[in-house]
Amino acid sequence: PDVLFQCDSRKSTPAILAAKGNHSEALKLMINANPDVLVQCDLDGHTPANLAFECDDSELFNLMIQKNLKAFVHANKNGFTPVMNAASNGKKECLQLLFETDQSLLLQKDNYGNTLAHYAVTSGCADTLKLVIEKCPDLVLQPNRQGITPAMRAAQRDTKCLKLLIDTEIKVLSQKDNNGNSLAIFAAK
């Protein structure tokens, strides 16, 4: 199956193209033929595992985790991992499987210092954020390079996620970003 590793001009393999096009059935066939298709990357550093989270196919996520867990470590050129993509797309079931399989995958930061909790807030999916809080509560307090915590990001984007963060008894209210802005400032913007 060398054909699985042929590239177009952007270094996209058939598996990358299948993931970009939401062709989950074709991607499953390729993964079953050779699980290494999940770690091939295009010019932007995207792997099929990075891109597959646009598909809404829990069977595909299970297969990726089962066949090639190392695919979830690979970051694109911005440091964005498939795990972060799962969080930002509200894929709670996939994150649950990853927590059960290898919790170290969930502690990575992107090139800007954003954690899994930052991306869970971005999804606006309170259930995904709740799972992150239950499994990795320390991530909620970790600021990115600008000093922005997941709670500050939630204050700007989603009141359900913000309420969940405030209700957790984690000391999110006293934190400030690199410019001295508190959570209240973020909520008012």
C-alpha atoms as a PDB file:
ATOM      1  CA  PRO A   1       0.000   0.000   0.000  1.00  0.00           C
ATOM      2  CA  ASP A   2       2.617   2.604  -1.027  1.00  0.00           C
ATOM      3  CA  VAL A   3      -0.280   4.357  -2.717  1.00  0.00           C
ATOM      4  CA  LEU A   4      -1.482   5.376   0.772  1.00  0.00           C
ATOM      5  CA  PHE A   5       1.625   7.506   1.193  1.00  0.00           C
ATOM      6  CA  GLN A   6       1.642   9.301  -2.170  1.00  0.00           C
ATOM      7  CA  CYS A   7       1.394  13.080  -1.834  1.00  0.00           C
ATOM      8  CA  ASP A   8      -0.059  15.910  -3.852  1.00  0.00           C
ATOM      9  CA  SER A   9       1.683  19.301  -4.243  1.00  0.00           C
ATOM     10  CA  ARG A  10       0.785  20.293  -0.652  1.00  0.00           C
ATOM     11  CA  LYS A  11       2.147  17.007   0.729  1.00  0.00           C
ATOM     12  CA  SER A  12      -1.401  15.803   1.390  1.00  0.00           C
ATOM     13  CA  THR A  13      -1.741  12.034   1.415  1.00  0.00           C
ATOM     14  CA  PRO A  14      -4.986  10.227   0.554  1.00  0.00           C
ATOM     15  CA  ALA A  15      -5.705   9.907   4.297  1.00  0.00           C
ATOM     16  CA  ILE A  16      -5.254  13.660   4.819  1.00  0.00           C
ATOM     17  CA  LEU A  17      -7.546  14.388   1.876  1.00  0.00           C
ATOM     18  CA  ALA A  18     -10.137  11.917   3.201  1.00  0.00           C
ATOM     19  CA  ALA A  19     -10.040  13.580   6.630  1.00  0.00           C
ATOM     20  CA  LYS A  20     -10.311  17.085   5.104  1.00  0.00           C
ATOM     21  CA  GLY A  21     -13.286  15.958   3.039  1.00  0.00           C
ATOM     22  CA  ASN A  22     -15.084  14.283   5.954  1.00  0.00           C
ATOM     23  CA  HIS A  23     -14.851  10.913   4.216  1.00  0.00           C
ATOM     24  CA  SER A  24     -14.668   8.886   7.407  1.00  0.00           C
ATOM     25  CA  GLU A  25     -15.439   5.514   5.791  1.00  0.00           C
ATOM     26  CA  ALA A  26     -12.527   5.903   3.346  1.00  0.00           C
ATOM     27  CA  LEU A  27     -10.266   7.011   6.185  1.00  0.00           C
ATOM     28  CA  LYS A  28     -11.229   3.955   8.258  1.00  0.00           C
ATOM     29  CA  LEU A  29     -10.273   1.681   5.361  1.00  0.00           C
ATOM     30  CA  MET A  30      -6.874   3.384   5.074  1.00  0.00           C
ATOM     31  CA  ILE A  31      -6.234   3.192   8.838  1.00  0.00           C
ATOM     32  CA  ASN A  32      -7.068  -0.510   8.842  1.00  0.00           C
ATOM     33  CA  ALA A  33      -4.733  -1.056   5.867  1.00  0.00           C
ATOM     34  CA  ASN A  34      -1.856   0.811   7.534  1.00  0.00           C
ATOM     35  CA  PRO A  35      -2.246   2.728  10.847  1.00  0.00           C
ATOM     36  CA  ASP A  36       0.834   4.823   9.980  1.00  0.00           C
ATOM     37  CA  VAL A  37      -1.340   6.893   7.632  1.00  0.00           C
ATOM     38  CA  LEU A  38      -2.408   8.788  10.765  1.00  0.00           C
ATOM     39  CA  VAL A  39       1.043  10.306  11.343  1.00  0.00           C
ATOM     40  CA  GLN A  40       1.775  11.573   7.826  1.00  0.00           C
ATOM     41  CA  CYS A  41       1.621  15.371   7.689  1.00  0.00           C
ATOM     42  CA  ASP A  42       1.008  18.007   5.024  1.00  0.00           C
ATOM     43  CA  LEU A  43       2.871  21.308   4.572  1.00  0.00           C
ATOM     44  CA  ASP A  44       1.006  22.861   7.519  1.00  0.00           C
ATOM     45  CA  GLY A  45       1.843  19.945   9.780  1.00  0.00           C
ATOM     46  CA  HIS A  46      -1.734  18.618   9.771  1.00  0.00           C
ATOM     47  CA  THR A  47      -2.170  14.874  10.079  1.00  0.00           C
ATOM     48  CA  PRO A  48      -5.339  12.919   9.375  1.00  0.00           C
ATOM     49  CA  ALA A  49      -5.746  12.683  13.153  1.00  0.00           C
ATOM     50  CA  ASN A  50      -5.645  16.515  13.379  1.00  0.00           C
ATOM     51  CA  LEU A  51      -8.282  16.867  10.697  1.00  0.00           C
ATOM     52  CA  ALA A  52     -10.601  13.947  11.442  1.00  0.00           C
ATOM     53  CA  PHE A  53     -12.363  15.737  14.265  1.00  0.00           C
ATOM     54  CA  GLU A  54     -14.445  17.620  11.747  1.00  0.00           C
ATOM     55  CA  CYS A  55     -16.109  14.248  11.098  1.00  0.00           C
ATOM     56  CA  ASP A  56     -18.777  13.326  13.595  1.00  0.00           C
ATOM     57  CA  ASP A  57     -17.890   9.650  13.759  1.00  0.00           C
ATOM     58  CA  SER A  58     -17.165   8.120  17.166  1.00  0.00           C
ATOM     59  CA  GLU A  59     -16.269   4.804  15.519  1.00  0.00           C
ATOM     60  CA  LEU A  60     -13.490   6.614  13.634  1.00  0.00           C
ATOM     61  CA  PHE A  61     -12.127   8.128  16.863  1.00  0.00           C
ATOM     62  CA  ASN A  62     -12.129   4.726  18.555  1.00  0.00           C
ATOM     63  CA  LEU A  63     -10.294   3.210  15.604  1.00  0.00           C
ATOM     64  CA  MET A  64      -7.664   5.974  15.581  1.00  0.00           C
ATOM     65  CA  ILE A  65      -7.019   5.564  19.308  1.00  0.00           C
ATOM     66  CA  GLN A  66      -6.898   1.772  19.055  1.00  0.00           C
ATOM     67  CA  LYS A  67      -4.661   1.598  15.969  1.00  0.00           C
ATOM     68  CA  ASN A  68      -2.186   4.438  16.447  1.00  0.00           C
ATOM     69  CA  LEU A  69      -2.171   6.332  19.730  1.00  0.00           C
ATOM     70  CA  LYS A  70       1.061   8.154  18.800  1.00  0.00           C
ATOM     71  CA  ALA A  71      -0.948  10.044  16.171  1.00  0.00           C
ATOM     72  CA  PHE A  72      -2.457  12.078  19.007  1.00  0.00           C
ATOM     73  CA  VAL A  73       0.937  13.458  20.048  1.00  0.00           C
ATOM     74  CA  HIS A  74       1.733  15.030  16.682  1.00  0.00           C
ATOM     75  CA  ALA A  75       1.221  18.802  16.605  1.00  0.00           C
ATOM     76  CA  ASN A  76       0.791  20.974  13.529  1.00  0.00           C
ATOM     77  CA  LYS A  77       3.021  24.015  12.910  1.00  0.00           C
ATOM     78  CA  ASN A  78       1.104  25.986  15.588  1.00  0.00           C
ATOM     79  CA  GLY A  79       1.484  23.245  18.189  1.00  0.00           C
ATOM     80  CA  PHE A  80      -2.188  22.272  17.814  1.00  0.00           C
ATOM     81  CA  THR A  81      -2.647  18.556  18.541  1.00  0.00           C
ATOM     82  CA  PRO A  82      -5.512  16.213  17.666  1.00  0.00           C
ATOM     83  CA  VAL A  83      -6.424  16.172  21.362  1.00  0.00           C
ATOM     84  CA  MET A  84      -6.812  19.971  21.327  1.00  0.00           C
ATOM     85  CA  ASN A  85      -8.903  19.641  18.191  1.00  0.00           C
ATOM     86  CA  ALA A  86     -11.151  17.125  19.953  1.00  0.00           C
ATOM     87  CA  ALA A  87     -11.616  19.566  22.836  1.00  0.00           C
ATOM     88  CA  SER A  88     -12.291  22.567  20.595  1.00  0.00           C
ATOM     89  CA  ASN A  89     -14.892  20.549  18.673  1.00  0.00           C
ATOM     90  CA  GLY A  90     -16.617  19.340  21.839  1.00  0.00           C
ATOM     91  CA  LYS A  91     -15.777  15.654  21.260  1.00  0.00           C
ATOM     92  CA  LYS A  92     -16.317  14.553  24.852  1.00  0.00           C
ATOM     93  CA  GLU A  93     -16.452  10.822  24.065  1.00  0.00           C
ATOM     94  CA  CYS A  94     -13.091  10.934  22.302  1.00  0.00           C
ATOM     95  CA  LEU A  95     -11.508  12.882  25.164  1.00  0.00           C
ATOM     96  CA  GLN A  96     -12.917  10.361  27.630  1.00  0.00           C
ATOM     97  CA  LEU A  97     -11.257   7.528  25.702  1.00  0.00           C
ATOM     98  CA  LEU A  98      -7.977   9.439  25.622  1.00  0.00           C
ATOM     99  CA  PHE A  99      -8.140  10.121  29.373  1.00  0.00           C
ATOM    100  CA  GLU A 100      -8.584   6.391  29.932  1.00  0.00           C
ATOM    101  CA  THR A 101      -5.799   5.461  27.493  1.00  0.00           C
ATOM    102  CA  ASP A 102      -2.966   7.933  28.112  1.00  0.00           C
ATOM    103  CA  GLN A 103      -3.541  10.970  30.291  1.00  0.00           C
ATOM    104  CA  SER A 104      -0.141  12.481  29.387  1.00  0.00           C
ATOM    105  CA  LEU A 105      -1.535  13.308  25.935  1.00  0.00           C
ATOM    106  CA  LEU A 106      -3.842  15.789  27.610  1.00  0.00           C
ATOM    107  CA  LEU A 107      -1.151  17.896  29.255  1.00  0.00           C
ATOM    108  CA  GLN A 108       0.411  19.347  26.105  1.00  0.00           C
ATOM    109  CA  LYS A 109       0.447  23.053  25.281  1.00  0.00           C
ATOM    110  CA  ASP A 110       0.387  24.628  21.846  1.00  0.00           C
ATOM    111  CA  ASN A 111       2.961  27.207  20.655  1.00  0.00           C
ATOM    112  CA  TYR A 112       0.959  29.965  22.372  1.00  0.00           C
ATOM    113  CA  GLY A 113       0.736  28.188  25.723  1.00  0.00           C
ATOM    114  CA  ASN A 114      -2.920  27.196  25.346  1.00  0.00           C
ATOM    115  CA  THR A 115      -3.905  23.994  27.124  1.00  0.00           C
ATOM    116  CA  LEU A 116      -6.671  21.495  26.594  1.00  0.00           C
ATOM    117  CA  ALA A 117      -8.831  23.560  28.963  1.00  0.00           C
ATOM    118  CA  HIS A 118      -8.438  26.662  26.754  1.00  0.00           C
ATOM    119  CA  TYR A 119      -9.710  24.633  23.811  1.00  0.00           C
ATOM    120  CA  ALA A 120     -12.536  23.022  25.782  1.00  0.00           C
ATOM    121  CA  VAL A 121     -13.788  26.523  26.632  1.00  0.00           C
ATOM    122  CA  THR A 122     -13.511  27.540  22.978  1.00  0.00           C
ATOM    123  CA  SER A 123     -15.900  24.734  22.022  1.00  0.00           C
ATOM    124  CA  GLY A 124     -18.604  26.212  24.227  1.00  0.00           C
ATOM    125  CA  CYS A 125     -19.437  22.673  25.244  1.00  0.00           C
ATOM    126  CA  ALA A 126     -19.835  22.702  29.016  1.00  0.00           C
ATOM    127  CA  ASP A 127     -19.808  18.870  29.143  1.00  0.00           C
ATOM    128  CA  THR A 128     -16.381  18.767  27.498  1.00  0.00           C
ATOM    129  CA  LEU A 129     -15.047  21.397  29.896  1.00  0.00           C
ATOM    130  CA  LYS A 130     -16.545  19.539  32.860  1.00  0.00           C
ATOM    131  CA  LEU A 131     -14.663  16.395  31.824  1.00  0.00           C
ATOM    132  CA  VAL A 132     -11.390  18.347  31.579  1.00  0.00           C
ATOM    133  CA  ILE A 133     -12.000  19.873  35.026  1.00  0.00           C
ATOM    134  CA  GLU A 134     -12.713  16.444  36.539  1.00  0.00           C
ATOM    135  CA  LYS A 135      -9.647  14.788  35.025  1.00  0.00           C
ATOM    136  CA  CYS A 136      -7.083  17.648  34.953  1.00  0.00           C
ATOM    137  CA  PRO A 137      -8.240  20.450  37.278  1.00  0.00           C
ATOM    138  CA  ASP A 138      -4.814  22.130  37.233  1.00  0.00           C
ATOM    139  CA  LEU A 139      -5.244  22.951  33.537  1.00  0.00           C
ATOM    140  CA  VAL A 140      -7.994  25.413  34.416  1.00  0.00           C
ATOM    141  CA  LEU A 141      -5.523  27.675  36.238  1.00  0.00           C
ATOM    142  CA  GLN A 142      -2.738  27.567  33.658  1.00  0.00           C
ATOM    143  CA  PRO A 143      -2.422  30.807  31.699  1.00  0.00           C
ATOM    144  CA  ASN A 144      -1.238  30.923  28.123  1.00  0.00           C
ATOM    145  CA  ARG A 145       1.678  33.172  27.054  1.00  0.00           C
ATOM    146  CA  GLN A 146      -0.555  36.251  27.268  1.00  0.00           C
ATOM    147  CA  GLY A 147      -1.527  35.319  30.805  1.00  0.00           C
ATOM    148  CA  ILE A 148      -5.057  34.402  29.728  1.00  0.00           C
ATOM    149  CA  THR A 149      -6.563  31.481  31.635  1.00  0.00           C
ATOM    150  CA  PRO A 150      -9.363  29.239  30.374  1.00  0.00           C
ATOM    151  CA  ALA A 151     -11.743  31.071  32.745  1.00  0.00           C
ATOM    152  CA  MET A 152     -10.865  34.408  31.152  1.00  0.00           C
ATOM    153  CA  ARG A 153     -11.467  32.963  27.715  1.00  0.00           C
ATOM    154  CA  ALA A 154     -14.793  31.547  28.939  1.00  0.00           C
ATOM    155  CA  ALA A 155     -15.774  34.962  30.273  1.00  0.00           C
ATOM    156  CA  GLN A 156     -15.404  36.348  26.750  1.00  0.00           C
ATOM    157  CA  ARG A 157     -17.198  33.537  24.956  1.00  0.00           C
ATOM    158  CA  ASP A 158     -19.565  31.359  26.926  1.00  0.00           C
ATOM    159  CA  THR A 159     -21.473  32.029  30.125  1.00  0.00           C
ATOM    160  CA  LYS A 160     -22.265  28.316  30.703  1.00  0.00           C
ATOM    161  CA  CYS A 161     -18.564  27.473  30.682  1.00  0.00           C
ATOM    162  CA  LEU A 162     -17.769  30.496  32.860  1.00  0.00           C
ATOM    163  CA  LYS A 163     -20.410  29.484  35.422  1.00  0.00           C
ATOM    164  CA  LEU A 164     -19.033  25.946  35.461  1.00  0.00           C
ATOM    165  CA  LEU A 165     -15.516  27.259  36.116  1.00  0.00           C
ATOM    166  CA  ILE A 166     -16.664  29.597  38.894  1.00  0.00           C
ATOM    167  CA  ASP A 167     -18.714  26.827  40.542  1.00  0.00           C
ATOM    168  CA  THR A 168     -15.784  24.376  40.697  1.00  0.00           C
ATOM    169  CA  GLU A 169     -14.144  25.913  43.781  1.00  0.00           C
ATOM    170  CA  ILE A 170     -10.967  26.421  41.742  1.00  0.00           C
ATOM    171  CA  LYS A 171      -9.646  29.904  42.425  1.00  0.00           C
ATOM    172  CA  VAL A 172     -10.288  31.388  38.999  1.00  0.00           C
ATOM    173  CA  LEU A 173     -11.667  34.732  40.175  1.00  0.00           C
ATOM    174  CA  SER A 174      -8.420  36.118  41.575  1.00  0.00           C
ATOM    175  CA  GLN A 175      -6.289  35.550  38.478  1.00  0.00           C
ATOM    176  CA  LYS A 176      -5.123  38.346  36.167  1.00  0.00           C
ATOM    177  CA  ASP A 177      -3.597  38.303  32.698  1.00  0.00           C
ATOM    178  CA  ASN A 178      -0.223  39.857  31.752  1.00  0.00           C
ATOM    179  CA  ASN A 179      -1.902  43.287  31.477  1.00  0.00           C
ATOM    180  CA  GLY A 180      -3.486  43.077  34.934  1.00  0.00           C
ATOM    181  CA  ASN A 181      -7.003  42.388  33.643  1.00  0.00           C
ATOM    182  CA  SER A 182      -9.180  40.309  35.955  1.00  0.00           C
ATOM    183  CA  LEU A 183     -11.899  37.840  35.090  1.00  0.00           C
ATOM    184  CA  ALA A 184     -14.482  40.620  35.573  1.00  0.00           C
ATOM    185  CA  ILE A 185     -12.775  42.715  32.865  1.00  0.00           C
ATOM    186  CA  PHE A 186     -12.901  39.787  30.461  1.00  0.00           C
ATOM    187  CA  ALA A 187     -16.583  39.201  31.232  1.00  0.00           C
ATOM    188  CA  ALA A 188     -17.385  42.858  30.523  1.00  0.00           C
ATOM    189  CA  LYS A 189     -15.688  42.888  27.104  1.00  0.00           C
END
